[in-house]
Amino acid sequence: MDSAAVERLRSHTGSALIIVFSAEWCLDCHKQVPVLGLVSEATGLEIRVFGHLMRDPMKPRGYWSIPPSPEEVEEFSVRRIPTIVVLDGEGRIMGEIVESPPAGKSLEEALLDILSEV
């Protein structure tokens, strides 16, 4: 973990909510979701994971099966996973990370970039 970024993320505890859309079959999810768990543990940031997303076999061009995928998938227009959505204290979208952080950045740095734009 990027300890400098984690230390700076602590200042955002209580002022943001991070929502993650994930699935067990997704390799990027296997990389990113455990890091988010560690970030939450180290900073106190609230992170909610919507897991178990499923492709709809009857709609190969569709995105996600509703149900069993939660209705928030449609609400946040999730097309690829993991999708990490950062919300401010009022529930407004501040930014998102889709699949992976930008090149050359850790997930912690990418979250800090979003949270620091305020």
C-alpha atoms as a PDB file:
ATOM      1  CA  MET A   1       0.000   0.000   0.000  1.00  0.00           C
ATOM      2  CA  ASP A   2       1.034   3.581  -0.659  1.00  0.00           C
ATOM      3  CA  SER A   3       1.431   4.772   2.947  1.00  0.00           C
ATOM      4  CA  ALA A   4       1.832   8.470   2.054  1.00  0.00           C
ATOM      5  CA  ALA A   5      -1.424   8.463   0.071  1.00  0.00           C
ATOM      6  CA  VAL A   6      -3.184   6.466   2.792  1.00  0.00           C
ATOM      7  CA  GLU A   7      -2.122   9.011   5.396  1.00  0.00           C
ATOM      8  CA  ARG A   8      -3.550  11.842   3.268  1.00  0.00           C
ATOM      9  CA  LEU A   9      -6.763   9.874   2.621  1.00  0.00           C
ATOM     10  CA  ARG A  10      -7.482   9.851   6.370  1.00  0.00           C
ATOM     11  CA  SER A  11      -8.425  13.533   6.174  1.00  0.00           C
ATOM     12  CA  HIS A  12     -11.404  12.592   3.993  1.00  0.00           C
ATOM     13  CA  THR A  13     -12.918  10.117   6.466  1.00  0.00           C
ATOM     14  CA  GLY A  14     -16.559  10.941   7.065  1.00  0.00           C
ATOM     15  CA  SER A  15     -16.825  13.254   4.068  1.00  0.00           C
ATOM     16  CA  ALA A  16     -17.001  10.663   1.285  1.00  0.00           C
ATOM     17  CA  LEU A  17     -18.488   7.298   0.416  1.00  0.00           C
ATOM     18  CA  ILE A  18     -16.848   4.901  -2.005  1.00  0.00           C
ATOM     19  CA  ILE A  19     -19.060   2.421  -3.842  1.00  0.00           C
ATOM     20  CA  VAL A  20     -17.535  -0.521  -5.697  1.00  0.00           C
ATOM     21  CA  PHE A  21     -19.205  -2.762  -8.267  1.00  0.00           C
ATOM     22  CA  SER A  22     -17.479  -6.123  -8.452  1.00  0.00           C
ATOM     23  CA  ALA A  23     -17.739  -9.802  -9.388  1.00  0.00           C
ATOM     24  CA  GLU A  24     -15.856 -12.919  -8.352  1.00  0.00           C
ATOM     25  CA  TRP A  25     -15.036 -13.838 -11.955  1.00  0.00           C
ATOM     26  CA  CYS A  26     -13.338 -10.482 -12.690  1.00  0.00           C
ATOM     27  CA  LEU A  27      -9.520 -10.450 -12.501  1.00  0.00           C
ATOM     28  CA  ASP A  28      -9.307  -6.665 -12.058  1.00  0.00           C
ATOM     29  CA  CYS A  29     -11.746  -6.956  -9.147  1.00  0.00           C
ATOM     30  CA  HIS A  30      -9.444  -9.508  -7.524  1.00  0.00           C
ATOM     31  CA  LYS A  31      -6.655  -6.911  -7.687  1.00  0.00           C
ATOM     32  CA  GLN A  32      -8.565  -3.776  -6.641  1.00  0.00           C
ATOM     33  CA  VAL A  33     -11.181  -4.838  -4.068  1.00  0.00           C
ATOM     34  CA  PRO A  34      -8.728  -6.222  -1.480  1.00  0.00           C
ATOM     35  CA  VAL A  35      -6.717  -2.982  -1.721  1.00  0.00           C
ATOM     36  CA  LEU A  36      -9.905  -1.015  -1.045  1.00  0.00           C
ATOM     37  CA  GLY A  37     -10.519  -3.167   2.022  1.00  0.00           C
ATOM     38  CA  LEU A  38      -7.054  -2.309   3.328  1.00  0.00           C
ATOM     39  CA  VAL A  39      -7.597   1.388   2.546  1.00  0.00           C
ATOM     40  CA  SER A  40     -10.878   1.352   4.468  1.00  0.00           C
ATOM     41  CA  GLU A  41      -9.254  -0.395   7.403  1.00  0.00           C
ATOM     42  CA  ALA A  42      -6.314   2.029   7.481  1.00  0.00           C
ATOM     43  CA  THR A  43      -8.283   5.248   6.946  1.00  0.00           C
ATOM     44  CA  GLY A  44     -11.825   4.718   8.174  1.00  0.00           C
ATOM     45  CA  LEU A  45     -13.233   5.664   4.755  1.00  0.00           C
ATOM     46  CA  GLU A  46     -16.631   4.084   4.173  1.00  0.00           C
ATOM     47  CA  ILE A  47     -16.507   1.627   1.287  1.00  0.00           C
ATOM     48  CA  ARG A  48     -19.536  -0.377   0.149  1.00  0.00           C
ATOM     49  CA  VAL A  49     -19.103  -3.258  -2.268  1.00  0.00           C
ATOM     50  CA  PHE A  50     -21.844  -4.466  -4.575  1.00  0.00           C
ATOM     51  CA  GLY A  51     -20.522  -7.892  -5.494  1.00  0.00           C
ATOM     52  CA  HIS A  52     -21.741 -10.899  -7.411  1.00  0.00           C
ATOM     53  CA  LEU A  53     -22.534  -8.964 -10.596  1.00  0.00           C
ATOM     54  CA  MET A  54     -23.680 -11.335 -13.300  1.00  0.00           C
ATOM     55  CA  ARG A  55     -23.691 -11.144 -17.071  1.00  0.00           C
ATOM     56  CA  ASP A  56     -27.065 -11.839 -18.648  1.00  0.00           C
ATOM     57  CA  PRO A  57     -26.655 -14.938 -20.887  1.00  0.00           C
ATOM     58  CA  MET A  58     -29.899 -14.115 -22.683  1.00  0.00           C
ATOM     59  CA  LYS A  59     -28.610 -10.685 -23.714  1.00  0.00           C
ATOM     60  CA  PRO A  60     -25.053 -11.086 -24.992  1.00  0.00           C
ATOM     61  CA  ARG A  61     -24.938  -7.396 -25.953  1.00  0.00           C
ATOM     62  CA  GLY A  62     -26.468  -6.358 -22.634  1.00  0.00           C
ATOM     63  CA  TYR A  63     -24.434  -5.569 -19.586  1.00  0.00           C
ATOM     64  CA  TRP A  64     -25.691  -6.990 -16.330  1.00  0.00           C
ATOM     65  CA  SER A  65     -28.519  -9.234 -15.288  1.00  0.00           C
ATOM     66  CA  ILE A  66     -31.057  -7.414 -13.103  1.00  0.00           C
ATOM     67  CA  PRO A  67     -31.750  -9.318 -10.841  1.00  0.00           C
ATOM     68  CA  PRO A  68     -29.494 -10.738  -9.439  1.00  0.00           C
ATOM     69  CA  SER A  69     -27.325  -7.659  -9.929  1.00  0.00           C
ATOM     70  CA  PRO A  70     -28.454  -4.732  -7.774  1.00  0.00           C
ATOM     71  CA  GLU A  71     -30.488  -1.879  -9.265  1.00  0.00           C
ATOM     72  CA  GLU A  72     -27.584   0.475  -8.474  1.00  0.00           C
ATOM     73  CA  VAL A  73     -25.835  -1.026 -11.508  1.00  0.00           C
ATOM     74  CA  GLU A  74     -28.305   0.852 -13.698  1.00  0.00           C
ATOM     75  CA  GLU A  75     -28.395   3.910 -11.443  1.00  0.00           C
ATOM     76  CA  PHE A  76     -24.614   4.404 -11.808  1.00  0.00           C
ATOM     77  CA  SER A  77     -24.477   3.215 -15.468  1.00  0.00           C
ATOM     78  CA  VAL A  78     -21.960   0.469 -14.714  1.00  0.00           C
ATOM     79  CA  ARG A  79     -20.588  -0.970 -17.942  1.00  0.00           C
ATOM     80  CA  ARG A  80     -17.222  -2.388 -16.855  1.00  0.00           C
ATOM     81  CA  ILE A  81     -15.989  -3.689 -13.540  1.00  0.00           C
ATOM     82  CA  PRO A  82     -14.639  -2.960 -11.151  1.00  0.00           C
ATOM     83  CA  THR A  83     -16.278   0.446 -11.181  1.00  0.00           C
ATOM     84  CA  ILE A  84     -15.318   2.499  -8.153  1.00  0.00           C
ATOM     85  CA  VAL A  85     -17.557   5.524  -7.597  1.00  0.00           C
ATOM     86  CA  VAL A  86     -16.583   8.256  -5.131  1.00  0.00           C
ATOM     87  CA  LEU A  87     -19.483  10.238  -3.660  1.00  0.00           C
ATOM     88  CA  ASP A  88     -19.299  13.362  -1.514  1.00  0.00           C
ATOM     89  CA  GLY A  89     -21.230  13.785   1.735  1.00  0.00           C
ATOM     90  CA  GLU A  90     -24.294  14.947  -0.213  1.00  0.00           C
ATOM     91  CA  GLY A  91     -24.299  11.853  -2.440  1.00  0.00           C
ATOM     92  CA  ARG A  92     -22.982  13.634  -5.544  1.00  0.00           C
ATOM     93  CA  ILE A  93     -20.520  11.802  -7.767  1.00  0.00           C
ATOM     94  CA  MET A  94     -17.043  13.270  -7.394  1.00  0.00           C
ATOM     95  CA  GLY A  95     -15.356  10.841  -9.757  1.00  0.00           C
ATOM     96  CA  GLU A  96     -14.851   7.215 -10.625  1.00  0.00           C
ATOM     97  CA  ILE A  97     -12.189   4.681 -11.413  1.00  0.00           C
ATOM     98  CA  VAL A  98     -13.112   2.033 -13.965  1.00  0.00           C
ATOM     99  CA  GLU A  99     -11.192  -1.256 -14.106  1.00  0.00           C
ATOM    100  CA  SER A 100      -7.809   0.157 -13.010  1.00  0.00           C
ATOM    101  CA  PRO A 101      -6.294   3.396 -11.732  1.00  0.00           C
ATOM    102  CA  PRO A 102      -4.700   5.664 -14.356  1.00  0.00           C
ATOM    103  CA  ALA A 103      -1.294   4.519 -15.597  1.00  0.00           C
ATOM    104  CA  GLY A 104       1.491   5.202 -13.131  1.00  0.00           C
ATOM    105  CA  LYS A 105      -0.850   5.723 -10.153  1.00  0.00           C
ATOM    106  CA  SER A 106      -1.731   3.462  -7.270  1.00  0.00           C
ATOM    107  CA  LEU A 107      -5.382   2.996  -6.393  1.00  0.00           C
ATOM    108  CA  GLU A 108      -4.769   5.040  -3.252  1.00  0.00           C
ATOM    109  CA  GLU A 109      -3.313   7.927  -5.293  1.00  0.00           C
ATOM    110  CA  ALA A 110      -6.192   7.812  -7.757  1.00  0.00           C
ATOM    111  CA  LEU A 111      -8.715   8.011  -4.903  1.00  0.00           C
ATOM    112  CA  LEU A 112      -6.779  10.884  -3.361  1.00  0.00           C
ATOM    113  CA  ASP A 113      -6.810  12.746  -6.695  1.00  0.00           C
ATOM    114  CA  ILE A 114     -10.610  12.469  -6.836  1.00  0.00           C
ATOM    115  CA  LEU A 115     -11.113  13.427  -3.205  1.00  0.00           C
ATOM    116  CA  SER A 116      -8.697  16.362  -3.412  1.00  0.00           C
ATOM    117  CA  GLU A 117     -10.497  18.019  -6.342  1.00  0.00           C
ATOM    118  CA  VAL A 118     -13.024  19.588  -3.973  1.00  0.00           C
END
